[in-house]
Amino acid sequence: MASTTNRRRFLALGVGAALAGCLGSDPPVADDDAAGVDDASESAEPTDSTAGEYSGPFELPVPEDELRRGASKDAIPAITAPVFGDDWTEFDEVDATLADGDEVVGVELDGVARAYPLAILNWHEIVNDDFDGRPVVVTYCPLCGSAVVADRLAGGEPTYFGVSGLLWMSDLVMYDDRTNSLWSQVLATAIRGELTGETLSLLPSTISTWGEWRAAHPETEVLVPPPVSGTIRGRQTRRYDVNPYTSYQQSSAIGIGFNDAADDRLHPKTSVVGVAADGVARAYPLDAVESAGVVNDTVGDLPVVVAASAEGSLVAYVRRFDGETVEFDRDGSALVAAGSRWDLLTGRALDGPHEGAVLTRANDRSPMFWFAWADFNPETEIYGAENAAGEQE
């Protein structure tokens, strides 16, 4: 599998893209079944975003003619019966390997840490999971490079989400099996159907390498690919040792050809972490963050700290606790502030007066490709750019 360095950065290679996952065009290998810390002196988990009604810049419902058909419904089979293990090597049915440099979506919730490899999500896009009775959905759109994790509720009731095969703004459109409403993955909002305007309650997540995540969470579980895990269509497996989006990720192509317009201030596939607060949206490109080492900034009235790990994992936290805004520095792989060292990947204080406290994430969606962030945040600023306003240190 491609290393994180190759996957996080763009290279101006050919624009031909192998979109087998999104288009559902690659035949399955097997188809056996049809179908910020308020009080930093205490340990605290990041707060969840609250579900509610959409109040963003897009008019809902989305007109039907803005939806593009990339595949048939469930051609990309969402995982509905996930199985987890310590590693893939313990499962004889899995003929792929998970290397330390392979990327995962990491989720820590209710004391349980789980990793969802992109090697699986590239092919299945949605995992319907359960954290000790709490229904959770983990989603990833390979075209946008975006991960969104949320409570798995529609109309207040647990539901399964599946891949509709439709795209809106080159992004995954999901459906819920309670009402068959259509949901934008990046917006985490129902854009058509009975639940139009309802938003999901978002949960903190991280995109990092498997090695980084496992080092920060020694007790983590990792999602095992089908046929061990079950999908909405039964034993639908794929070639999990192959990334079908390598060419796409390295090109300037957007989506599958339906969207020609792009904000050209950055290369479309630049990896950015975005923060939005008080009517201000700002994107932090990976290269700019790496050059700065650590970024102390303010978005609207929200003080944030942004940094990147040695493997290129972007993080953004609220840099306000104990009622005060603090400045962060770097000490190798750790962040430093207020007499404590903070784990960059988890935001947890490792020592000092705040040991055990956890910083609140400033971003409620994962880092993603620049074009996707700009499409969903059309007035966005760019950290380090001449037209970016506000405090930038």
Protein backbone atom coordinates (compact mmCIF):
# COMPACT_ATOMS: atom_id res chain seq x y z
CA MET A 1 0.00 0.00 0.00
CA ALA A 2 1.08 3.55 -0.57
CA SER A 3 2.92 5.28 2.25
CA THR A 4 1.32 8.22 4.04
CA THR A 5 3.91 10.54 2.52
CA ASN A 6 2.85 9.60 -0.99
CA ARG A 7 -0.84 9.75 -0.13
CA ARG A 8 -0.87 13.05 1.76
CA ARG A 9 1.04 15.04 -0.82
CA PHE A 10 0.09 15.57 -4.42
CA LEU A 11 2.38 14.83 -7.31
CA ALA A 12 1.69 16.26 -10.73
CA LEU A 13 1.38 12.90 -12.45
CA GLY A 14 -1.24 11.69 -14.91
CA VAL A 15 -4.88 12.56 -14.39
CA GLY A 16 -6.22 9.10 -15.15
CA ALA A 17 -8.00 7.76 -12.05
CA ALA A 18 -8.93 4.24 -11.10
CA LEU A 19 -12.29 4.84 -9.45
CA ALA A 20 -13.33 1.25 -8.93
CA GLY A 21 -14.55 1.84 -5.38
CA CYS A 22 -16.68 4.90 -6.02
CA LEU A 23 -18.06 3.67 -9.30
CA GLY A 24 -18.65 0.18 -8.03
CA SER A 25 -17.18 -1.09 -11.30
CA ASP A 26 -14.69 -3.60 -9.93
CA PRO A 27 -16.33 -7.03 -9.62
CA PRO A 28 -16.19 -8.46 -6.12
CA VAL A 29 -13.69 -11.19 -5.40
CA ALA A 30 -16.40 -13.11 -3.62
CA ASP A 31 -20.17 -12.76 -3.52
CA ASP A 32 -21.45 -15.65 -1.47
CA ASP A 33 -24.62 -13.87 -0.37
CA ALA A 34 -26.96 -11.84 -2.50
CA ALA A 35 -28.30 -8.67 -1.19
CA GLY A 36 -10.93 22.82 24.34
CA VAL A 37 -10.98 21.67 28.00
CA ASP A 38 -13.21 23.85 30.19
CA ASP A 39 -11.36 22.71 33.30
CA ALA A 40 -7.95 21.44 32.31
CA SER A 41 -7.26 20.19 35.83
CA GLU A 42 -9.67 17.33 35.16
CA SER A 43 -9.60 14.64 32.51
CA ALA A 44 -12.25 15.39 29.92
CA GLU A 45 -13.14 13.95 26.54
CA PRO A 46 -13.81 16.30 23.63
CA THR A 47 -17.44 17.35 23.46
CA ASP A 48 -19.63 16.02 20.66
CA SER A 49 -21.26 18.32 18.15
CA THR A 50 -25.01 18.49 18.73
CA ALA A 51 -27.47 17.14 16.20
CA GLY A 52 -30.07 19.57 14.99
CA GLU A 53 -31.34 21.44 11.97
CA TYR A 54 -29.08 22.57 9.15
CA SER A 55 -28.33 26.31 8.98
CA GLY A 56 -25.55 26.53 6.40
CA PRO A 57 -25.11 28.28 3.06
CA PHE A 58 -26.83 25.68 0.86
CA GLU A 59 -30.54 25.68 0.07
CA LEU A 60 -32.29 22.43 0.92
CA PRO A 61 -33.57 20.18 -0.41
CA VAL A 62 -30.85 19.87 -3.01
CA PRO A 63 -32.42 19.83 -6.50
CA GLU A 64 -32.48 16.35 -7.94
CA ASP A 65 -30.58 17.46 -11.04
CA GLU A 66 -27.58 18.39 -8.87
CA LEU A 67 -27.14 14.74 -7.84
CA ARG A 68 -24.92 12.64 -10.07
CA ARG A 69 -25.10 8.88 -10.39
CA GLY A 70 -21.70 7.27 -9.88
CA ALA A 71 -22.89 3.74 -9.10
CA SER A 72 -26.06 1.85 -8.36
CA LYS A 73 -27.43 1.75 -4.84
CA ASP A 74 -25.36 -0.54 -2.57
CA ALA A 75 -22.91 -1.34 -5.39
CA ILE A 76 -20.41 -0.06 -2.86
CA PRO A 77 -21.46 -2.31 0.01
CA ALA A 78 -21.46 -0.57 3.39
CA ILE A 79 -20.22 -2.65 6.30
CA THR A 80 -23.07 -3.55 8.64
CA ALA A 81 -21.47 -6.28 10.78
CA PRO A 82 -17.97 -5.06 11.65
CA VAL A 83 -15.47 -7.37 13.33
CA PHE A 84 -12.40 -6.08 15.14
CA GLY A 85 -9.11 -7.58 16.19
CA ASP A 86 -5.65 -6.64 17.41
CA ASP A 87 -4.31 -6.92 13.86
CA TRP A 88 -5.21 -8.55 10.56
CA THR A 89 -2.60 -11.29 10.92
CA GLU A 90 -4.77 -13.28 13.32
CA PHE A 91 -7.42 -13.89 10.64
CA ASP A 92 -6.69 -16.60 8.06
CA GLU A 93 -9.45 -15.30 5.78
CA VAL A 94 -7.59 -11.99 5.24
CA ASP A 95 -4.93 -12.14 2.52
CA ALA A 96 -3.83 -8.50 2.88
CA THR A 97 -1.50 -6.90 5.40
CA LEU A 98 -1.83 -3.69 7.41
CA ALA A 99 1.46 -1.79 7.59
CA ASP A 100 2.41 0.89 10.10
CA GLY A 101 2.42 3.52 7.33
CA ASP A 102 -1.12 2.76 6.15
CA GLU A 103 -3.73 5.35 7.06
CA VAL A 104 -6.67 4.81 9.37
CA VAL A 105 -9.60 6.77 10.71
CA GLY A 106 -9.18 6.63 14.47
CA VAL A 107 -12.07 6.97 16.92
CA GLU A 108 -11.87 6.99 20.73
CA LEU A 109 -15.27 6.90 22.40
CA ASP A 110 -16.49 5.81 25.81
CA GLY A 111 -13.05 4.44 26.65
CA VAL A 112 -12.85 2.31 23.49
CA ALA A 113 -10.33 3.05 20.72
CA ARG A 114 -10.87 1.70 17.21
CA ALA A 115 -9.08 2.12 13.91
CA TYR A 116 -10.78 1.92 10.51
CA PRO A 117 -8.17 1.44 7.76
CA LEU A 118 -8.60 3.43 4.56
CA ALA A 119 -7.66 0.21 2.79
CA ILE A 120 -11.17 -0.94 3.75
CA LEU A 121 -12.96 2.40 3.62
CA ASN A 122 -11.75 3.06 0.06
CA TRP A 123 -13.89 0.10 -0.99
CA HIS A 124 -16.85 0.26 1.44
CA GLU A 125 -17.03 3.95 2.49
CA ILE A 126 -19.42 3.38 5.42
CA VAL A 127 -19.08 1.31 8.58
CA ASN A 128 -22.15 0.91 10.78
CA ASP A 129 -20.72 0.29 14.22
CA ASP A 130 -21.69 0.11 17.87
CA PHE A 131 -19.70 1.35 20.88
CA ASP A 132 -21.08 -0.52 23.88
CA GLY A 133 -24.66 0.13 22.84
CA ARG A 134 -24.04 3.51 21.23
CA PRO A 135 -24.76 3.34 17.48
CA VAL A 136 -22.02 5.07 15.48
CA VAL A 137 -21.41 5.50 11.76
CA VAL A 138 -17.89 5.93 10.36
CA THR A 139 -17.77 7.32 6.82
CA TYR A 140 -15.06 8.11 4.30
CA CYS A 141 -15.34 9.64 0.84
CA PRO A 142 -12.27 8.72 -1.25
CA LEU A 143 -13.08 11.42 -3.82
CA CYS A 144 -12.95 14.18 -1.17
CA GLY A 145 -10.48 12.53 1.20
CA SER A 146 -12.95 13.29 4.00
CA ALA A 147 -13.84 11.26 7.09
CA VAL A 148 -16.98 12.04 9.10
CA VAL A 149 -17.97 10.12 12.23
CA ALA A 150 -21.35 10.59 13.90
CA ASP A 151 -24.04 9.05 16.04
CA ARG A 152 -25.95 6.59 13.87
CA LEU A 153 -29.40 8.09 14.37
CA ALA A 154 -32.02 9.30 11.91
CA GLY A 155 -35.14 10.97 13.21
CA GLY A 156 -33.85 10.18 16.70
CA GLU A 157 -33.84 6.42 16.05
CA PRO A 158 -30.93 4.05 15.33
CA THR A 159 -30.55 3.30 11.64
CA TYR A 160 -28.13 1.80 9.16
CA PHE A 161 -26.53 4.01 6.54
CA GLY A 162 -25.73 2.77 3.08
CA VAL A 163 -24.05 4.10 -0.07
CA SER A 164 -26.67 5.52 -2.42
CA GLY A 165 -24.32 5.56 -5.41
CA LEU A 166 -25.11 9.25 -5.88
CA LEU A 167 -22.67 12.13 -5.58
CA TRP A 168 -23.29 15.73 -4.62
CA MET A 169 -20.42 18.17 -5.09
CA SER A 170 -18.23 15.12 -5.76
CA ASP A 171 -19.02 13.87 -2.25
CA LEU A 172 -20.52 10.64 -0.99
CA VAL A 173 -24.31 10.70 -0.64
CA MET A 174 -25.58 8.23 1.96
CA TYR A 175 -29.09 6.96 2.62
CA ASP A 176 -30.65 5.83 5.87
CA ASP A 177 -32.66 2.62 5.94
CA ARG A 178 -35.41 4.10 8.14
CA THR A 179 -36.69 6.75 5.74
CA ASN A 180 -34.45 6.38 2.67
CA SER A 181 -33.57 10.07 2.99
CA LEU A 182 -30.36 11.14 1.24
CA TRP A 183 -27.49 12.55 3.32
CA SER A 184 -24.43 14.57 2.35
CA GLN A 185 -21.38 13.02 3.98
CA VAL A 186 -19.38 16.24 4.45
CA LEU A 187 -22.41 18.24 5.61
CA ALA A 188 -23.60 15.30 7.77
CA THR A 189 -27.06 16.54 6.77
CA ALA A 190 -30.08 15.06 5.05
CA ILE A 191 -30.33 16.87 1.72
CA ARG A 192 -33.40 15.16 0.24
CA GLY A 193 -36.29 13.12 1.59
CA GLU A 194 -38.37 12.99 4.73
CA LEU A 195 -35.54 14.11 7.05
CA THR A 196 -34.26 16.97 4.89
CA GLY A 197 -32.39 19.48 7.04
CA GLU A 198 -31.66 17.12 9.93
CA THR A 199 -27.98 17.01 10.89
CA LEU A 200 -26.07 14.22 12.55
CA SER A 201 -24.34 14.60 15.90
CA LEU A 202 -20.64 14.52 15.00
CA LEU A 203 -18.01 12.68 17.01
CA PRO A 204 -14.25 13.34 17.25
CA SER A 205 -12.03 11.38 14.87
CA THR A 206 -8.50 11.43 13.51
CA ILE A 207 -6.85 10.41 10.25
CA SER A 208 -3.39 9.10 11.05
CA THR A 209 -1.14 6.20 10.23
CA TRP A 210 -1.81 2.83 11.82
CA GLY A 211 1.58 2.99 13.53
CA GLU A 212 0.86 6.40 15.06
CA TRP A 213 -2.63 5.44 16.19
CA ARG A 214 -1.48 2.16 17.74
CA ALA A 215 1.39 3.88 19.58
CA ALA A 216 -1.02 6.44 21.06
CA HIS A 217 -3.68 3.79 21.79
CA PRO A 218 -1.92 0.51 22.70
CA GLU A 219 -5.27 -1.17 23.46
CA THR A 220 -6.86 -0.19 20.15
CA GLU A 221 -8.95 -2.53 18.06
CA VAL A 222 -8.76 -2.45 14.27
CA LEU A 223 -11.50 -3.16 11.75
CA VAL A 224 -10.96 -6.45 9.91
CA PRO A 225 -11.93 -6.52 6.22
CA PRO A 226 -14.63 -8.73 4.73
CA PRO A 227 -15.30 -11.59 4.56
CA VAL A 228 -14.64 -11.48 8.31
CA SER A 229 -16.73 -8.32 8.59
CA GLY A 230 -20.13 -8.49 6.91
CA THR A 231 -21.59 -6.01 4.44
CA ILE A 232 -25.07 -4.97 3.46
CA ARG A 233 -24.72 -7.38 0.54
CA GLY A 234 -23.24 -10.26 2.47
CA ARG A 235 -19.73 -11.58 1.82
CA GLN A 236 -18.62 -8.85 -0.55
CA THR A 237 -14.83 -8.67 -0.51
CA ARG A 238 -12.38 -6.51 -2.43
CA ARG A 239 -8.63 -6.33 -3.07
CA TYR A 240 -7.66 -4.65 0.17
CA ASP A 241 -3.99 -4.67 -0.76
CA VAL A 242 -4.76 -2.32 -3.69
CA ASN A 243 -5.65 1.36 -3.45
CA PRO A 244 -7.99 2.04 -6.41
CA TYR A 245 -7.57 5.81 -5.96
CA THR A 246 -3.80 6.18 -6.23
CA SER A 247 -3.86 7.93 -9.61
CA TYR A 248 -6.80 10.09 -8.60
CA GLN A 249 -5.11 11.24 -5.38
CA GLN A 250 -1.99 12.25 -7.28
CA SER A 251 -3.81 14.15 -10.02
CA SER A 252 -5.65 17.47 -10.35
CA ALA A 253 -8.88 15.68 -11.32
CA ILE A 254 -11.95 16.41 -9.22
CA GLY A 255 -14.60 13.78 -8.65
CA ILE A 256 -15.53 11.72 -11.66
CA GLY A 257 -15.82 14.51 -14.16
CA PHE A 258 -19.04 16.20 -13.09
CA ASN A 259 -17.49 19.22 -11.40
CA ASP A 260 -15.24 21.42 -13.51
CA ALA A 261 -15.15 24.44 -11.21
CA ALA A 262 -12.52 24.55 -8.49
CA ASP A 263 -10.99 27.15 -6.21
CA ASP A 264 -7.53 27.34 -7.73
CA ARG A 265 -5.77 29.05 -4.84
CA LEU A 266 -4.31 25.63 -3.95
CA HIS A 267 -3.83 22.39 -5.82
CA PRO A 268 -7.16 20.52 -5.58
CA LYS A 269 -5.62 17.58 -3.70
CA THR A 270 -3.70 19.60 -1.14
CA SER A 271 -4.39 18.15 2.30
CA VAL A 272 -5.96 20.78 4.58
CA VAL A 273 -7.56 20.79 8.00
CA GLY A 274 -10.39 23.26 8.18
CA VAL A 275 -11.76 25.20 11.14
CA ALA A 276 -14.99 27.18 11.07
CA ALA A 277 -16.22 29.45 13.88
CA ASP A 278 -18.24 32.64 14.24
CA GLY A 279 -18.89 32.89 10.52
CA VAL A 280 -15.21 32.50 9.61
CA ALA A 281 -13.73 29.46 7.87
CA ARG A 282 -10.00 28.89 7.48
CA ALA A 283 -8.02 26.09 5.83
CA TYR A 284 -4.59 25.06 7.08
CA PRO A 285 -2.55 23.37 4.32
CA LEU A 286 -0.25 20.56 5.42
CA ASP A 287 2.88 22.14 3.94
CA ALA A 288 2.26 25.50 5.66
CA VAL A 289 1.65 23.81 9.01
CA GLU A 290 4.75 21.66 8.68
CA SER A 291 6.83 24.75 7.86
CA ALA A 292 5.50 26.60 10.91
CA GLY A 293 6.00 23.65 13.25
CA VAL A 294 3.08 24.79 15.36
CA VAL A 295 0.41 27.37 14.46
CA ASN A 296 -1.24 29.50 17.15
CA ASP A 297 -4.15 31.21 15.44
CA THR A 298 -7.64 32.61 16.02
CA VAL A 299 -10.63 31.78 13.80
CA GLY A 300 -13.42 34.23 14.52
CA ASP A 301 -13.25 34.34 18.31
CA LEU A 302 -11.95 30.78 18.61
CA PRO A 303 -8.26 30.40 19.57
CA VAL A 304 -6.79 27.33 17.91
CA VAL A 305 -3.52 25.47 17.69
CA VAL A 306 -2.75 23.49 14.54
CA ALA A 307 0.12 21.06 14.03
CA ALA A 308 1.19 18.04 11.99
CA SER A 309 2.92 14.86 13.06
CA ALA A 310 6.08 13.54 11.45
CA GLU A 311 3.84 11.26 9.37
CA GLY A 312 1.75 14.18 8.07
CA SER A 313 -1.29 13.80 10.32
CA LEU A 314 -2.98 17.20 10.73
CA VAL A 315 -4.65 18.14 14.01
CA ALA A 316 -6.41 21.26 15.30
CA TYR A 317 -7.36 21.96 18.92
CA VAL A 318 -8.91 24.78 20.91
CA ARG A 319 -6.06 26.45 22.81
CA ARG A 320 -8.17 27.77 25.63
CA PHE A 321 -8.57 26.12 29.02
CA ASP A 322 -8.91 27.16 32.64
CA GLY A 323 -10.64 30.20 31.14
CA GLU A 324 -7.44 31.42 29.50
CA THR A 325 -5.99 31.34 26.00
CA VAL A 326 -2.48 29.86 25.91
CA GLU A 327 0.35 29.69 23.39
CA PHE A 328 1.64 26.30 22.30
CA ASP A 329 5.16 25.31 21.34
CA ARG A 330 6.70 22.05 20.12
CA ASP A 331 8.93 19.62 21.96
CA GLY A 332 9.74 17.02 19.35
CA SER A 333 6.53 15.13 18.65
CA ALA A 334 4.63 16.72 21.55
CA LEU A 335 2.87 20.05 22.00
CA VAL A 336 3.84 22.13 25.03
CA ALA A 337 1.75 24.67 26.94
CA ALA A 338 0.90 25.68 30.50
CA GLY A 339 3.56 23.48 32.04
CA SER A 340 2.38 20.27 30.35
CA ARG A 341 3.35 18.24 27.30
CA TRP A 342 0.39 17.25 25.16
CA ASP A 343 0.20 14.25 22.82
CA LEU A 344 -0.15 15.72 19.34
CA LEU A 345 -2.38 12.99 17.98
CA THR A 346 -4.81 12.66 20.90
CA GLY A 347 -4.61 16.11 22.52
CA ARG A 348 -4.13 14.46 25.92
CA ALA A 349 -1.77 16.02 28.49
CA LEU A 350 1.07 13.58 29.18
CA ASP A 351 2.46 15.18 32.32
CA GLY A 352 2.56 18.36 34.39
CA PRO A 353 -0.30 20.18 36.10
CA HIS A 354 -2.85 19.20 33.43
CA GLU A 355 -1.92 15.51 33.10
CA GLY A 356 -4.87 13.51 31.77
CA ALA A 357 -6.79 16.51 30.45
CA VAL A 358 -7.83 16.39 26.78
CA LEU A 359 -7.94 19.35 24.43
CA THR A 360 -11.17 19.98 22.54
CA ARG A 361 -10.86 19.50 18.80
CA ALA A 362 -11.30 22.65 16.78
CA ASN A 363 -12.29 20.73 13.64
CA ASP A 364 -15.41 18.57 13.57
CA ARG A 365 -14.52 16.92 10.26
CA SER A 366 -11.28 15.28 9.28
CA PRO A 367 -8.61 16.86 7.12
CA MET A 368 -9.67 16.60 3.49
CA PHE A 369 -8.70 17.64 -0.01
CA TRP A 370 -8.64 21.40 -0.56
CA PHE A 371 -11.25 21.36 -3.31
CA ALA A 372 -13.76 19.64 -1.01
CA TRP A 373 -13.20 22.03 1.89
CA ALA A 374 -13.49 25.02 -0.47
CA ASP A 375 -16.64 23.68 -2.13
CA PHE A 376 -18.43 23.30 1.19
CA ASN A 377 -16.92 26.51 2.62
CA PRO A 378 -16.96 28.88 -0.37
CA GLU A 379 -15.81 31.94 1.64
CA THR A 380 -12.89 30.14 3.26
CA GLU A 381 -9.57 31.79 4.00
CA ILE A 382 -6.23 30.01 3.75
CA TYR A 383 -3.68 30.14 6.53
CA GLY A 384 -0.51 31.73 5.24
CA ALA A 385 -2.15 33.21 2.15
CA GLU A 386 -2.16 36.96 1.49
CA ASN A 387 -5.93 37.09 1.64
CA ALA A 388 -6.19 35.29 4.97
CA ALA A 389 -7.33 37.59 7.73
CA GLY A 390 -6.98 37.37 11.47
CA GLU A 391 -4.19 36.46 13.85
CA GLN A 392 -1.60 34.18 12.28
CA GLU A 393 1.59 33.45 14.10
